[in-house]
Amino acid sequence: MIRASRKGRCTLKREEQVRLTKQKLLTAADQLIVKEGYAAVSVERITKLAGVSKGTFYTYFKKKGDLMIALSQHRFAAINDQIPLLVNGDPVEGIRHYLMSYLKVVTDQSTLAMVRSWLRFILNPSNGQIGKFENDRRGIERLLQGLVDHQRLTASTPVATIANLLTVELYGILVAWGVDDQASPEQRLRDYCDVALGSMLAPYLVK
């Protein structure tokens, strides 16, 4: 019994150490990328600021791009935590709230230079990185599926298709902002929701 208890404490200690180390890497990467942009930041600089070895970095991430995905997931975790609260309400308003919350995280926590750097990384096929887009798409898909499961949308709702369309729209708004910093991404998204979102969902709303 004593051995089992000690083993359990050791396991918890290791898990906490893993969590803290990953958090150090995420925090260091976030600070550097916000200040200098994704392309200018190396794994060596991230590990130096985090106070860990490069070998430790590669224990948790295969490459710098994987850390970028993890950082994005960390930033957007609070938005995905809202999903259980949104699936019981009006689908149009729930999805609108989710999309606006997503955009707010980007515009509040990222400089325009960082967004441009991030877009180059995501949109460059040579990077082979589809993880960020797919992660964002899955968040929207979870919300849509939750609305179906709670009978706010019909079972015939093309969840995957709508999730893909909404994610593409979000990315398009960010691309437009990266090209023209005078364009308000929030206003573009509000306009889209006012004009198109209701019409897209109308055939699938439960009466």
Protein backbone atom coordinates (compact mmCIF):
# COMPACT_ATOMS: atom_id res chain seq x y z
CA MET A 1 0.00 0.00 0.00
CA ILE A 2 2.83 2.38 0.92
CA ARG A 3 4.68 1.55 -2.31
CA ALA A 4 1.53 2.16 -4.35
CA SER A 5 1.03 5.50 -2.62
CA ARG A 6 4.61 6.55 -3.32
CA LYS A 7 4.29 5.46 -6.94
CA GLY A 8 1.14 7.53 -7.29
CA ARG A 9 2.85 10.60 -5.84
CA CYS A 10 5.80 10.16 -8.20
CA THR A 11 3.47 9.88 -11.17
CA LEU A 12 1.64 13.05 -10.19
CA LYS A 13 4.96 14.84 -9.68
CA ARG A 14 6.15 13.82 -13.15
CA GLU A 15 2.87 14.92 -14.71
CA GLU A 16 3.12 18.28 -12.98
CA GLN A 17 6.72 18.66 -14.18
CA VAL A 18 5.65 17.91 -17.75
CA ARG A 19 2.85 20.46 -17.51
CA LEU A 20 5.16 23.15 -16.11
CA THR A 21 7.85 22.52 -18.72
CA LYS A 22 5.38 22.73 -21.60
CA GLN A 23 3.94 25.90 -20.08
CA LYS A 24 7.42 27.45 -19.92
CA LEU A 25 7.96 26.71 -23.60
CA LEU A 26 4.54 28.06 -24.58
CA THR A 27 5.03 31.23 -22.54
CA ALA A 28 8.49 31.85 -23.97
CA ALA A 29 7.32 31.26 -27.54
CA ASP A 30 4.32 33.53 -27.04
CA GLN A 31 6.48 36.38 -25.74
CA LEU A 32 8.99 36.12 -28.58
CA ILE A 33 6.47 35.66 -31.38
CA VAL A 34 4.30 38.58 -30.24
CA LYS A 35 7.38 40.80 -30.16
CA GLU A 36 9.22 39.63 -33.28
CA GLY A 37 6.96 37.44 -35.41
CA TYR A 38 6.97 33.71 -36.01
CA ALA A 39 9.65 33.59 -38.72
CA ALA A 40 12.23 35.49 -36.63
CA VAL A 41 12.02 33.17 -33.63
CA SER A 42 14.16 30.03 -33.45
CA VAL A 43 13.83 26.95 -31.26
CA GLU A 44 17.15 27.87 -29.66
CA ARG A 45 15.85 31.28 -28.56
CA ILE A 46 12.62 29.77 -27.25
CA THR A 47 14.46 27.20 -25.14
CA LYS A 48 16.94 29.79 -23.87
CA LEU A 49 14.16 32.07 -22.66
CA ALA A 50 12.27 29.12 -21.17
CA GLY A 51 15.40 27.88 -19.40
CA VAL A 52 15.30 24.37 -20.88
CA SER A 53 17.50 22.45 -23.30
CA LYS A 54 16.80 21.99 -27.02
CA GLY A 55 16.55 18.28 -26.33
CA THR A 56 13.73 18.96 -23.89
CA PHE A 57 11.94 21.00 -26.55
CA TYR A 58 12.00 18.05 -28.96
CA THR A 59 10.66 15.78 -26.23
CA TYR A 60 7.38 17.71 -26.43
CA PHE A 61 7.35 19.07 -29.98
CA LYS A 62 8.70 17.55 -33.20
CA LYS A 63 9.24 20.99 -34.75
CA LYS A 64 8.58 24.67 -34.18
CA GLY A 65 5.34 24.46 -36.14
CA ASP A 66 3.94 21.95 -33.65
CA LEU A 67 4.55 24.42 -30.84
CA MET A 68 2.67 27.05 -32.87
CA ILE A 69 -0.32 24.73 -33.01
CA ALA A 70 -0.11 24.04 -29.27
CA LEU A 71 0.14 27.76 -28.56
CA SER A 72 -2.97 28.37 -30.64
CA GLN A 73 -4.83 25.62 -28.79
CA HIS A 74 -3.77 27.15 -25.48
CA ARG A 75 -5.00 30.60 -26.49
CA PHE A 76 -8.33 29.37 -27.78
CA ALA A 77 -9.06 26.89 -24.99
CA ALA A 78 -11.35 29.36 -23.21
CA ILE A 79 -13.44 29.77 -26.36
CA ASN A 80 -13.95 26.04 -26.73
CA ASP A 81 -14.90 25.89 -23.05
CA GLN A 82 -17.93 28.03 -23.96
CA ILE A 83 -19.37 25.38 -26.27
CA PRO A 84 -21.44 23.57 -23.58
CA LEU A 85 -23.08 26.91 -22.75
CA LEU A 86 -23.85 27.78 -26.38
CA VAL A 87 -25.49 24.54 -27.52
CA ASN A 88 -28.69 25.19 -25.56
CA GLY A 89 -29.47 28.57 -27.09
CA ASP A 90 -30.27 30.08 -30.46
CA PRO A 91 -27.91 28.50 -33.04
CA VAL A 92 -27.35 31.68 -35.03
CA GLU A 93 -26.51 33.74 -31.95
CA GLY A 94 -24.41 30.94 -30.47
CA ILE A 95 -22.27 30.56 -33.58
CA ARG A 96 -22.01 34.32 -33.97
CA HIS A 97 -20.78 34.60 -30.38
CA TYR A 98 -18.23 31.83 -30.94
CA LEU A 99 -16.86 33.42 -34.12
CA MET A 100 -16.65 36.89 -32.57
CA SER A 101 -14.89 35.44 -29.50
CA TYR A 102 -12.39 33.71 -31.77
CA LEU A 103 -11.64 36.92 -33.63
CA LYS A 104 -11.33 38.87 -30.38
CA VAL A 105 -8.60 36.52 -29.16
CA VAL A 106 -6.65 37.12 -32.38
CA THR A 107 -7.05 40.89 -32.50
CA ASP A 108 -6.55 41.44 -28.76
CA GLN A 109 -3.52 39.18 -28.28
CA SER A 110 -1.72 39.54 -31.61
CA THR A 111 -0.03 42.44 -33.32
CA LEU A 112 -0.74 42.90 -37.02
CA ALA A 113 2.87 41.91 -37.73
CA MET A 114 2.36 38.66 -35.86
CA VAL A 115 -0.85 37.92 -37.77
CA ARG A 116 0.94 38.51 -41.08
CA SER A 117 3.79 36.24 -40.01
CA TRP A 118 1.33 33.57 -38.89
CA LEU A 119 -0.58 33.79 -42.18
CA ARG A 120 2.62 33.29 -44.18
CA PHE A 121 3.37 30.23 -42.10
CA ILE A 122 -0.12 28.75 -42.45
CA LEU A 123 -0.60 29.54 -46.13
CA ASN A 124 2.83 28.40 -47.32
CA PRO A 125 2.31 24.83 -48.65
CA SER A 126 5.99 23.99 -48.09
CA ASN A 127 5.38 24.08 -44.35
CA GLY A 128 3.00 21.15 -44.63
CA GLN A 129 1.04 22.59 -41.72
CA ILE A 130 -2.70 22.05 -41.83
CA GLY A 131 -3.00 21.55 -38.09
CA LYS A 132 -4.02 25.12 -37.23
CA PHE A 133 -6.83 25.27 -39.75
CA GLU A 134 -8.01 21.79 -38.84
CA ASN A 135 -7.96 22.57 -35.12
CA ASP A 136 -10.05 25.71 -35.67
CA ARG A 137 -12.44 23.85 -37.95
CA ARG A 138 -12.93 21.12 -35.36
CA GLY A 139 -13.85 23.69 -32.71
CA ILE A 140 -16.63 25.05 -34.90
CA GLU A 141 -17.67 21.51 -35.81
CA ARG A 142 -17.98 20.60 -32.12
CA LEU A 143 -20.28 23.56 -31.60
CA LEU A 144 -22.43 22.64 -34.60
CA GLN A 145 -22.61 18.99 -33.56
CA GLY A 146 -23.57 20.06 -30.05
CA LEU A 147 -26.43 22.11 -31.48
CA VAL A 148 -27.57 19.05 -33.43
CA ASP A 149 -27.30 16.81 -30.35
CA HIS A 150 -29.37 19.31 -28.33
CA GLN A 151 -31.95 19.45 -31.13
CA ARG A 152 -31.34 23.08 -31.97
CA LEU A 153 -30.30 22.07 -35.47
CA THR A 154 -31.77 19.17 -37.43
CA ALA A 155 -30.02 15.84 -37.81
CA SER A 156 -29.67 16.57 -41.54
CA THR A 157 -27.40 19.56 -40.88
CA PRO A 158 -24.18 19.19 -42.94
CA VAL A 159 -22.01 19.84 -39.91
CA ALA A 160 -18.61 19.26 -41.52
CA THR A 161 -19.44 21.36 -44.59
CA ILE A 162 -20.72 24.33 -42.59
CA ALA A 163 -17.75 24.13 -40.20
CA ASN A 164 -15.39 24.24 -43.16
CA LEU A 165 -17.19 27.20 -44.74
CA LEU A 166 -17.15 29.19 -41.49
CA THR A 167 -13.47 28.48 -40.89
CA VAL A 168 -12.60 29.56 -44.43
CA GLU A 169 -14.57 32.77 -43.85
CA LEU A 170 -12.67 33.48 -40.63
CA TYR A 171 -9.35 32.91 -42.34
CA GLY A 172 -10.40 35.11 -45.24
CA ILE A 173 -11.17 37.94 -42.83
CA LEU A 174 -7.74 37.55 -41.22
CA VAL A 175 -6.05 37.50 -44.63
CA ALA A 176 -7.88 40.71 -45.57
CA TRP A 177 -6.73 42.32 -42.32
CA GLY A 178 -3.16 41.20 -42.99
CA VAL A 179 -3.27 42.81 -46.44
CA ASP A 180 -5.13 45.98 -45.45
CA ASP A 181 -4.71 47.03 -41.83
CA GLN A 182 -7.41 49.68 -42.29
CA ALA A 183 -10.01 46.96 -42.71
CA SER A 184 -11.75 46.19 -39.44
CA PRO A 185 -11.89 42.39 -39.01
CA GLU A 186 -14.60 42.73 -36.38
CA GLN A 187 -16.83 44.75 -38.71
CA ARG A 188 -16.24 42.33 -41.57
CA LEU A 189 -17.29 39.43 -39.37
CA ARG A 190 -20.35 41.28 -38.08
CA ASP A 191 -21.37 42.04 -41.66
CA TYR A 192 -20.92 38.40 -42.63
CA CYS A 193 -23.01 37.18 -39.70
CA ASP A 194 -25.74 39.75 -40.40
CA VAL A 195 -25.96 38.94 -44.10
CA ALA A 196 -25.04 35.28 -44.51
CA LEU A 197 -25.02 33.28 -41.28
CA GLY A 198 -28.77 33.21 -40.71
CA SER A 199 -29.47 32.24 -44.31
CA MET A 200 -26.91 29.43 -44.16
CA LEU A 201 -28.47 27.92 -41.05
CA ALA A 202 -32.14 28.62 -41.83
CA PRO A 203 -32.88 25.28 -43.58
CA TYR A 204 -31.58 23.36 -40.56
CA LEU A 205 -33.13 25.25 -37.65
CA VAL A 206 -35.47 23.16 -35.53
CA LYS A 207 -38.87 24.82 -35.58
